[in-house]
Amino acid sequence: MSGTSTLSADERRRLRRYERAVDRMMPMQRAIFLGHVVEDLTYPELADKHDISIIEVECHMWRALAQVDDYSTKKTRPWWQFWRR
């Protein structure tokens, strides 16, 4: 097993929460989020790639980050806020 690292149980749980958050994103949010985080694209590059404005890229990124935050911190929102995003 040289060169490989093993994850602790806590790290595996955290990774699953992040994966679940990304899996449940809307398709455009996921594309913007992964484009910025994984492909290291800038907001203007993402806007050109998806033919949307930079403001729309910011909105998609904000929503994606909020979803990752919700899943990573296991926040529970009051019942009246479930429909809000």
PDB file of N, CA and C in Angstrom:
ATOM      1  N   MET A   1       0.819  -1.200   0.000  1.00  0.00           N
ATOM      2  CA  MET A   1       0.000   0.000   0.000  1.00  0.00           C
ATOM      3  C   MET A   1       0.857   1.256   0.000  1.00  0.00           C
ATOM      4  N   SER A   2       2.022   1.195  -0.552  1.00  0.00           N
ATOM      5  CA  SER A   2       2.862   2.381  -0.588  1.00  0.00           C
ATOM      6  C   SER A   2       2.268   3.401  -1.550  1.00  0.00           C
ATOM      7  N   GLY A   3       2.284   4.658  -1.121  1.00  0.00           N
ATOM      8  CA  GLY A   3       1.765   5.721  -1.968  1.00  0.00           C
ATOM      9  C   GLY A   3       0.281   5.979  -1.825  1.00  0.00           C
ATOM     10  N   THR A   4      -0.429   5.147  -1.082  1.00  0.00           N
ATOM     11  CA  THR A   4      -1.860   5.374  -0.888  1.00  0.00           C
ATOM     12  C   THR A   4      -2.100   5.770   0.555  1.00  0.00           C
ATOM     13  N   SER A   5      -3.093   6.576   0.761  1.00  0.00           N
ATOM     14  CA  SER A   5      -3.441   6.976   2.120  1.00  0.00           C
ATOM     15  C   SER A   5      -4.804   6.404   2.452  1.00  0.00           C
ATOM     16  N   THR A   6      -4.964   6.043   3.690  1.00  0.00           N
ATOM     17  CA  THR A   6      -6.257   5.536   4.128  1.00  0.00           C
ATOM     18  C   THR A   6      -6.963   6.635   4.889  1.00  0.00           C
ATOM     19  N   LEU A   7      -8.248   6.694   4.734  1.00  0.00           N
ATOM     20  CA  LEU A   7      -9.048   7.707   5.399  1.00  0.00           C
ATOM     21  C   LEU A   7      -9.636   7.144   6.674  1.00  0.00           C
ATOM     22  N   SER A   8      -9.710   7.990   7.676  1.00  0.00           N
ATOM     23  CA  SER A   8     -10.365   7.577   8.911  1.00  0.00           C
ATOM     24  C   SER A   8     -11.877   7.519   8.672  1.00  0.00           C
ATOM     25  N   ALA A   9     -12.591   6.938   9.601  1.00  0.00           N
ATOM     26  CA  ALA A   9     -14.048   6.833   9.477  1.00  0.00           C
ATOM     27  C   ALA A   9     -14.675   8.215   9.404  1.00  0.00           C
ATOM     28  N   ASP A  10     -14.174   9.156  10.188  1.00  0.00           N
ATOM     29  CA  ASP A  10     -14.703  10.513  10.169  1.00  0.00           C
ATOM     30  C   ASP A  10     -14.458  11.188   8.822  1.00  0.00           C
ATOM     31  N   GLU A  11     -13.281  10.980   8.263  1.00  0.00           N
ATOM     32  CA  GLU A  11     -12.966  11.559   6.955  1.00  0.00           C
ATOM     33  C   GLU A  11     -13.833  10.950   5.858  1.00  0.00           C
ATOM     34  N   ARG A  12     -14.106   9.651   5.946  1.00  0.00           N
ATOM     35  CA  ARG A  12     -14.987   9.007   4.955  1.00  0.00           C
ATOM     36  C   ARG A  12     -16.404   9.558   5.049  1.00  0.00           C
ATOM     37  N   ARG A  13     -16.898   9.759   6.279  1.00  0.00           N
ATOM     38  CA  ARG A  13     -18.239  10.342   6.449  1.00  0.00           C
ATOM     39  C   ARG A  13     -18.297  11.757   5.868  1.00  0.00           C
ATOM     40  N   ARG A  14     -17.274  12.549   6.142  1.00  0.00           N
ATOM     41  CA  ARG A  14     -17.232  13.917   5.620  1.00  0.00           C
ATOM     42  C   ARG A  14     -17.190  13.907   4.092  1.00  0.00           C
ATOM     43  N   LEU A  15     -16.395  13.019   3.522  1.00  0.00           N
ATOM     44  CA  LEU A  15     -16.310  12.909   2.065  1.00  0.00           C
ATOM     45  C   LEU A  15     -17.651  12.507   1.470  1.00  0.00           C
ATOM     46  N   ARG A  16     -18.349  11.561   2.093  1.00  0.00           N
ATOM     47  CA  ARG A  16     -19.678  11.159   1.607  1.00  0.00           C
ATOM     48  C   ARG A  16     -20.664  12.321   1.660  1.00  0.00           C
ATOM     49  N   ARG A  17     -20.586  13.146   2.722  1.00  0.00           N
ATOM     50  CA  ARG A  17     -21.482  14.308   2.815  1.00  0.00           C
ATOM     51  C   ARG A  17     -21.209  15.283   1.671  1.00  0.00           C
ATOM     52  N   TYR A  18     -19.922  15.519   1.368  1.00  0.00           N
ATOM     53  CA  TYR A  18     -19.590  16.415   0.257  1.00  0.00           C
ATOM     54  C   TYR A  18     -20.060  15.826  -1.072  1.00  0.00           C
ATOM     55  N   GLU A  19     -19.846  14.535  -1.266  1.00  0.00           N
ATOM     56  CA  GLU A  19     -20.298  13.895  -2.505  1.00  0.00           C
ATOM     57  C   GLU A  19     -21.814  13.985  -2.641  1.00  0.00           C
ATOM     58  N   ARG A  20     -22.520  13.768  -1.550  1.00  0.00           N
ATOM     59  CA  ARG A  20     -23.985  13.844  -1.564  1.00  0.00           C
ATOM     60  C   ARG A  20     -24.432  15.262  -1.918  1.00  0.00           C
ATOM     61  N   ALA A  21     -23.751  16.257  -1.368  1.00  0.00           N
ATOM     62  CA  ALA A  21     -24.099  17.643  -1.666  1.00  0.00           C
ATOM     63  C   ALA A  21     -23.924  17.935  -3.153  1.00  0.00           C
ATOM     64  N   VAL A  22     -22.820  17.490  -3.726  1.00  0.00           N
ATOM     65  CA  VAL A  22     -22.567  17.727  -5.155  1.00  0.00           C
ATOM     66  C   VAL A  22     -23.567  16.954  -6.005  1.00  0.00           C
ATOM     67  N   ASP A  23     -23.865  15.720  -5.626  1.00  0.00           N
ATOM     68  CA  ASP A  23     -24.818  14.909  -6.384  1.00  0.00           C
ATOM     69  C   ASP A  23     -26.211  15.530  -6.421  1.00  0.00           C
ATOM     70  N   ARG A  24     -26.591  16.224  -5.373  1.00  0.00           N
ATOM     71  CA  ARG A  24     -27.945  16.785  -5.288  1.00  0.00           C
ATOM     72  C   ARG A  24     -28.055  18.212  -5.807  1.00  0.00           C
ATOM     73  N   MET A  25     -26.971  18.751  -6.327  1.00  0.00           N
ATOM     74  CA  MET A  25     -27.026  20.089  -6.916  1.00  0.00           C
ATOM     75  C   MET A  25     -27.789  20.044  -8.231  1.00  0.00           C
ATOM     76  N   MET A  26     -28.356  21.185  -8.596  1.00  0.00           N
ATOM     77  CA  MET A  26     -28.957  21.315  -9.915  1.00  0.00           C
ATOM     78  C   MET A  26     -27.829  21.184 -10.942  1.00  0.00           C
ATOM     79  N   PRO A  27     -28.126  20.711 -12.159  1.00  0.00           N
ATOM     80  CA  PRO A  27     -27.064  20.465 -13.142  1.00  0.00           C
ATOM     81  C   PRO A  27     -26.159  21.675 -13.406  1.00  0.00           C
ATOM     82  N   MET A  28     -26.742  22.871 -13.545  1.00  0.00           N
ATOM     83  CA  MET A  28     -25.907  24.038 -13.818  1.00  0.00           C
ATOM     84  C   MET A  28     -25.058  24.394 -12.594  1.00  0.00           C
ATOM     85  N   GLN A  29     -25.632  24.284 -11.404  1.00  0.00           N
ATOM     86  CA  GLN A  29     -24.859  24.551 -10.183  1.00  0.00           C
ATOM     87  C   GLN A  29     -23.667  23.604 -10.101  1.00  0.00           C
ATOM     88  N   ARG A  30     -23.930  22.324 -10.378  1.00  0.00           N
ATOM     89  CA  ARG A  30     -22.858  21.325 -10.332  1.00  0.00           C
ATOM     90  C   ARG A  30     -21.776  21.656 -11.358  1.00  0.00           C
ATOM     91  N   ALA A  31     -22.187  22.010 -12.564  1.00  0.00           N
ATOM     92  CA  ALA A  31     -21.215  22.320 -13.615  1.00  0.00           C
ATOM     93  C   ALA A  31     -20.369  23.530 -13.240  1.00  0.00           C
ATOM     94  N   ILE A  32     -20.989  24.558 -12.699  1.00  0.00           N
ATOM     95  CA  ILE A  32     -20.262  25.759 -12.292  1.00  0.00           C
ATOM     96  C   ILE A  32     -19.333  25.438 -11.129  1.00  0.00           C
ATOM     97  N   PHE A  33     -19.854  24.755 -10.126  1.00  0.00           N
ATOM     98  CA  PHE A  33     -19.064  24.421  -8.939  1.00  0.00           C
ATOM     99  C   PHE A  33     -17.843  23.575  -9.305  1.00  0.00           C
ATOM    100  N   LEU A  34     -18.071  22.488 -10.047  1.00  0.00           N
ATOM    101  CA  LEU A  34     -16.956  21.618 -10.419  1.00  0.00           C
ATOM    102  C   LEU A  34     -15.992  22.304 -11.386  1.00  0.00           C
ATOM    103  N   GLY A  35     -16.532  23.137 -12.260  1.00  0.00           N
ATOM    104  CA  GLY A  35     -15.661  23.889 -13.166  1.00  0.00           C
ATOM    105  C   GLY A  35     -14.725  24.807 -12.408  1.00  0.00           C
ATOM    106  N   HIS A  36     -15.238  25.432 -11.369  1.00  0.00           N
ATOM    107  CA  HIS A  36     -14.405  26.357 -10.590  1.00  0.00           C
ATOM    108  C   HIS A  36     -13.460  25.617  -9.647  1.00  0.00           C
ATOM    109  N   VAL A  37     -13.974  24.599  -8.955  1.00  0.00           N
ATOM    110  CA  VAL A  37     -13.182  23.912  -7.937  1.00  0.00           C
ATOM    111  C   VAL A  37     -12.221  22.887  -8.539  1.00  0.00           C
ATOM    112  N   VAL A  38     -12.701  22.094  -9.475  1.00  0.00           N
ATOM    113  CA  VAL A  38     -11.886  21.012 -10.018  1.00  0.00           C
ATOM    114  C   VAL A  38     -11.061  21.476 -11.218  1.00  0.00           C
ATOM    115  N   GLU A  39     -11.723  22.152 -12.159  1.00  0.00           N
ATOM    116  CA  GLU A  39     -11.028  22.573 -13.378  1.00  0.00           C
ATOM    117  C   GLU A  39     -10.298  23.899 -13.206  1.00  0.00           C
ATOM    118  N   ASP A  40     -10.515  24.577 -12.072  1.00  0.00           N
ATOM    119  CA  ASP A  40      -9.854  25.846 -11.746  1.00  0.00           C
ATOM    120  C   ASP A  40     -10.145  26.942 -12.777  1.00  0.00           C
ATOM    121  N   LEU A  41     -11.394  26.980 -13.261  1.00  0.00           N
ATOM    122  CA  LEU A  41     -11.802  28.008 -14.216  1.00  0.00           C
ATOM    123  C   LEU A  41     -12.238  29.262 -13.452  1.00  0.00           C
ATOM    124  N   THR A  42     -11.998  30.406 -14.045  1.00  0.00           N
ATOM    125  CA  THR A  42     -12.433  31.667 -13.449  1.00  0.00           C
ATOM    126  C   THR A  42     -13.910  31.890 -13.761  1.00  0.00           C
ATOM    127  N   TYR A  43     -14.518  32.842 -13.068  1.00  0.00           N
ATOM    128  CA  TYR A  43     -15.930  33.148 -13.333  1.00  0.00           C
ATOM    129  C   TYR A  43     -16.145  33.610 -14.774  1.00  0.00           C
ATOM    130  N   PRO A  44     -15.300  34.503 -15.321  1.00  0.00           N
ATOM    131  CA  PRO A  44     -15.494  34.871 -16.734  1.00  0.00           C
ATOM    132  C   PRO A  44     -15.352  33.675 -17.688  1.00  0.00           C
ATOM    133  N   GLU A  45     -14.427  32.761 -17.401  1.00  0.00           N
ATOM    134  CA  GLU A  45     -14.274  31.574 -18.247  1.00  0.00           C
ATOM    135  C   GLU A  45     -15.514  30.683 -18.156  1.00  0.00           C
ATOM    136  N   LEU A  46     -16.056  30.542 -16.951  1.00  0.00           N
ATOM    137  CA  LEU A  46     -17.271  29.749 -16.780  1.00  0.00           C
ATOM    138  C   LEU A  46     -18.455  30.397 -17.484  1.00  0.00           C
ATOM    139  N   ALA A  47     -18.536  31.724 -17.410  1.00  0.00           N
ATOM    140  CA  ALA A  47     -19.622  32.438 -18.084  1.00  0.00           C
ATOM    141  C   ALA A  47     -19.553  32.207 -19.598  1.00  0.00           C
ATOM    142  N   ASP A  48     -18.358  32.288 -20.164  1.00  0.00           N
ATOM    143  CA  ASP A  48     -18.192  32.034 -21.599  1.00  0.00           C
ATOM    144  C   ASP A  48     -18.510  30.586 -21.954  1.00  0.00           C
ATOM    145  N   LYS A  49     -18.039  29.671 -21.140  1.00  0.00           N
ATOM    146  CA  LYS A  49     -18.238  28.248 -21.408  1.00  0.00           C
ATOM    147  C   LYS A  49     -19.717  27.867 -21.407  1.00  0.00           C
ATOM    148  N   HIS A  50     -20.501  28.447 -20.486  1.00  0.00           N
ATOM    149  CA  HIS A  50     -21.912  28.082 -20.351  1.00  0.00           C
ATOM    150  C   HIS A  50     -22.856  29.110 -20.975  1.00  0.00           C
ATOM    151  N   ASP A  51     -22.273  30.141 -21.614  1.00  0.00           N
ATOM    152  CA  ASP A  51     -23.055  31.175 -22.288  1.00  0.00           C
ATOM    153  C   ASP A  51     -24.059  31.845 -21.341  1.00  0.00           C
ATOM    154  N   ILE A  52     -23.558  32.231 -20.159  1.00  0.00           N
ATOM    155  CA  ILE A  52     -24.352  32.960 -19.178  1.00  0.00           C
ATOM    156  C   ILE A  52     -23.531  34.143 -18.687  1.00  0.00           C
ATOM    157  N   SER A  53     -24.164  35.030 -17.932  1.00  0.00           N
ATOM    158  CA  SER A  53     -23.454  36.203 -17.423  1.00  0.00           C
ATOM    159  C   SER A  53     -22.619  35.834 -16.196  1.00  0.00           C
ATOM    160  N   ILE A  54     -21.689  36.702 -15.857  1.00  0.00           N
ATOM    161  CA  ILE A  54     -20.864  36.485 -14.670  1.00  0.00           C
ATOM    162  C   ILE A  54     -21.730  36.531 -13.414  1.00  0.00           C
ATOM    163  N   ILE A  55     -22.748  37.371 -13.415  1.00  0.00           N
ATOM    164  CA  ILE A  55     -23.667  37.443 -12.272  1.00  0.00           C
ATOM    165  C   ILE A  55     -24.363  36.093 -12.074  1.00  0.00           C
ATOM    166  N   GLU A  56     -24.775  35.470 -13.179  1.00  0.00           N
ATOM    167  CA  GLU A  56     -25.416  34.153 -13.077  1.00  0.00           C
ATOM    168  C   GLU A  56     -24.430  33.101 -12.556  1.00  0.00           C
ATOM    169  N   VAL A  57     -23.176  33.191 -12.972  1.00  0.00           N
ATOM    170  CA  VAL A  57     -22.153  32.282 -12.456  1.00  0.00           C
ATOM    171  C   VAL A  57     -22.032  32.467 -10.945  1.00  0.00           C
ATOM    172  N   GLU A  58     -22.004  33.720 -10.493  1.00  0.00           N
ATOM    173  CA  GLU A  58     -21.910  34.002  -9.064  1.00  0.00           C
ATOM    174  C   GLU A  58     -23.109  33.426  -8.308  1.00  0.00           C
ATOM    175  N   CYS A  59     -24.301  33.570  -8.876  1.00  0.00           N
ATOM    176  CA  CYS A  59     -25.509  33.039  -8.226  1.00  0.00           C
ATOM    177  C   CYS A  59     -25.463  31.517  -8.136  1.00  0.00           C
ATOM    178  N   HIS A  60     -25.077  30.861  -9.219  1.00  0.00           N
ATOM    179  CA  HIS A  60     -24.977  29.400  -9.201  1.00  0.00           C
ATOM    180  C   HIS A  60     -23.914  28.948  -8.192  1.00  0.00           C
ATOM    181  N   MET A  61     -22.807  29.658  -8.159  1.00  0.00           N
ATOM    182  CA  MET A  61     -21.735  29.297  -7.235  1.00  0.00           C
ATOM    183  C   MET A  61     -22.180  29.508  -5.794  1.00  0.00           C
ATOM    184  N   TRP A  62     -22.886  30.607  -5.547  1.00  0.00           N
ATOM    185  CA  TRP A  62     -23.373  30.879  -4.192  1.00  0.00           C
ATOM    186  C   TRP A  62     -24.321  29.776  -3.729  1.00  0.00           C
ATOM    187  N   ARG A  63     -25.230  29.379  -4.600  1.00  0.00           N
ATOM    188  CA  ARG A  63     -26.174  28.315  -4.243  1.00  0.00           C
ATOM    189  C   ARG A  63     -25.461  26.981  -4.020  1.00  0.00           C
ATOM    190  N   ALA A  64     -24.476  26.694  -4.854  1.00  0.00           N
ATOM    191  CA  ALA A  64     -23.720  25.454  -4.697  1.00  0.00           C
ATOM    192  C   ALA A  64     -22.957  25.449  -3.375  1.00  0.00           C
ATOM    193  N   LEU A  65     -22.323  26.561  -3.051  1.00  0.00           N
ATOM    194  CA  LEU A  65     -21.591  26.648  -1.787  1.00  0.00           C
ATOM    195  C   LEU A  65     -22.522  26.552  -0.587  1.00  0.00           C
ATOM    196  N   ALA A  66     -23.697  27.139  -0.701  1.00  0.00           N
ATOM    197  CA  ALA A  66     -24.674  27.047   0.384  1.00  0.00           C
ATOM    198  C   ALA A  66     -25.098  25.596   0.582  1.00  0.00           C
ATOM    199  N   GLN A  67     -25.270  24.859  -0.508  1.00  0.00           N
ATOM    200  CA  GLN A  67     -25.655  23.459  -0.404  1.00  0.00           C
ATOM    201  C   GLN A  67     -24.533  22.629   0.220  1.00  0.00           C
ATOM    202  N   VAL A  68     -23.304  22.867  -0.195  1.00  0.00           N
ATOM    203  CA  VAL A  68     -22.170  22.156   0.401  1.00  0.00           C
ATOM    204  C   VAL A  68     -22.094  22.468   1.893  1.00  0.00           C
ATOM    205  N   ASP A  69     -22.303  23.729   2.236  1.00  0.00           N
ATOM    206  CA  ASP A  69     -22.272  24.122   3.648  1.00  0.00           C
ATOM    207  C   ASP A  69     -23.383  23.431   4.430  1.00  0.00           C
ATOM    208  N   ASP A  70     -24.579  23.385   3.862  1.00  0.00           N
ATOM    209  CA  ASP A  70     -25.697  22.711   4.526  1.00  0.00           C
ATOM    210  C   ASP A  70     -25.374  21.246   4.807  1.00  0.00           C
ATOM    211  N   TYR A  71     -24.826  20.561   3.821  1.00  0.00           N
ATOM    212  CA  TYR A  71     -24.531  19.141   3.991  1.00  0.00           C
ATOM    213  C   TYR A  71     -23.317  18.901   4.876  1.00  0.00           C
ATOM    214  N   SER A  72     -22.324  19.783   4.810  1.00  0.00           N
ATOM    215  CA  SER A  72     -21.100  19.539   5.579  1.00  0.00           C
ATOM    216  C   SER A  72     -21.272  19.830   7.059  1.00  0.00           C
ATOM    217  N   THR A  73     -22.140  20.764   7.390  1.00  0.00           N
ATOM    218  CA  THR A  73     -22.321  21.110   8.795  1.00  0.00           C
ATOM    219  C   THR A  73     -23.559  20.458   9.393  1.00  0.00           C
ATOM    220  N   LYS A  74     -24.291  19.735   8.578  1.00  0.00           N
ATOM    221  CA  LYS A  74     -25.514  19.053   9.011  1.00  0.00           C
ATOM    222  C   LYS A  74     -26.478  20.025   9.688  1.00  0.00           C
ATOM    223  N   LYS A  75     -26.641  21.186   9.083  1.00  0.00           N
ATOM    224  CA  LYS A  75     -27.567  22.170   9.628  1.00  0.00           C
ATOM    225  C   LYS A  75     -29.001  21.678   9.482  1.00  0.00           C
ATOM    226  N   THR A  76     -29.792  21.911  10.473  1.00  0.00           N
ATOM    227  CA  THR A  76     -31.218  21.646  10.355  1.00  0.00           C
ATOM    228  C   THR A  76     -31.920  22.986  10.393  1.00  0.00           C
ATOM    229  N   ARG A  77     -32.704  23.221   9.389  1.00  0.00           N
ATOM    230  CA  ARG A  77     -33.407  24.490   9.299  1.00  0.00           C
ATOM    231  C   ARG A  77     -34.809  24.335   9.854  1.00  0.00           C
ATOM    232  N   PRO A  78     -35.362  25.427  10.363  1.00  0.00           N
ATOM    233  CA  PRO A  78     -36.755  25.380  10.811  1.00  0.00           C
ATOM    234  C   PRO A  78     -37.668  24.979   9.656  1.00  0.00           C
ATOM    235  N   TRP A  79     -38.777  24.366   9.959  1.00  0.00           N
ATOM    236  CA  TRP A  79     -39.664  23.831   8.931  1.00  0.00           C
ATOM    237  C   TRP A  79     -40.102  24.864   7.921  1.00  0.00           C
ATOM    238  N   TRP A  80     -40.243  26.130   8.328  1.00  0.00           N
ATOM    239  CA  TRP A  80     -40.730  27.140   7.400  1.00  0.00           C
ATOM    240  C   TRP A  80     -39.661  27.588   6.406  1.00  0.00           C
ATOM    241  N   GLN A  81     -38.438  27.148   6.566  1.00  0.00           N
ATOM    242  CA  GLN A  81     -37.373  27.554   5.649  1.00  0.00           C
ATOM    243  C   GLN A  81     -37.006  26.457   4.644  1.00  0.00           C
ATOM    244  N   PHE A  82     -37.692  25.328   4.652  1.00  0.00           N
ATOM    245  CA  PHE A  82     -37.329  24.244   3.761  1.00  0.00           C
ATOM    246  C   PHE A  82     -37.507  24.586   2.293  1.00  0.00           C
ATOM    247  N   TRP A  83     -38.465  25.441   1.961  1.00  0.00           N
ATOM    248  CA  TRP A  83     -38.677  25.773   0.552  1.00  0.00           C
ATOM    249  C   TRP A  83     -37.752  26.895   0.082  1.00  0.00           C
ATOM    250  N   ARG A  84     -37.037  27.523   0.990  1.00  0.00           N
ATOM    251  CA  ARG A  84     -36.152  28.639   0.629  1.00  0.00           C
ATOM    252  C   ARG A  84     -34.781  28.122   0.258  1.00  0.00           C
ATOM    253  N   ARG A  85     -34.189  28.735  -0.731  1.00  0.00           N
ATOM    254  CA  ARG A  85     -32.815  28.404  -1.146  1.00  0.00           C
ATOM    255  C   ARG A  85     -32.068  29.643  -1.406  1.00  0.00           C
TER     256      ARG A  85
END
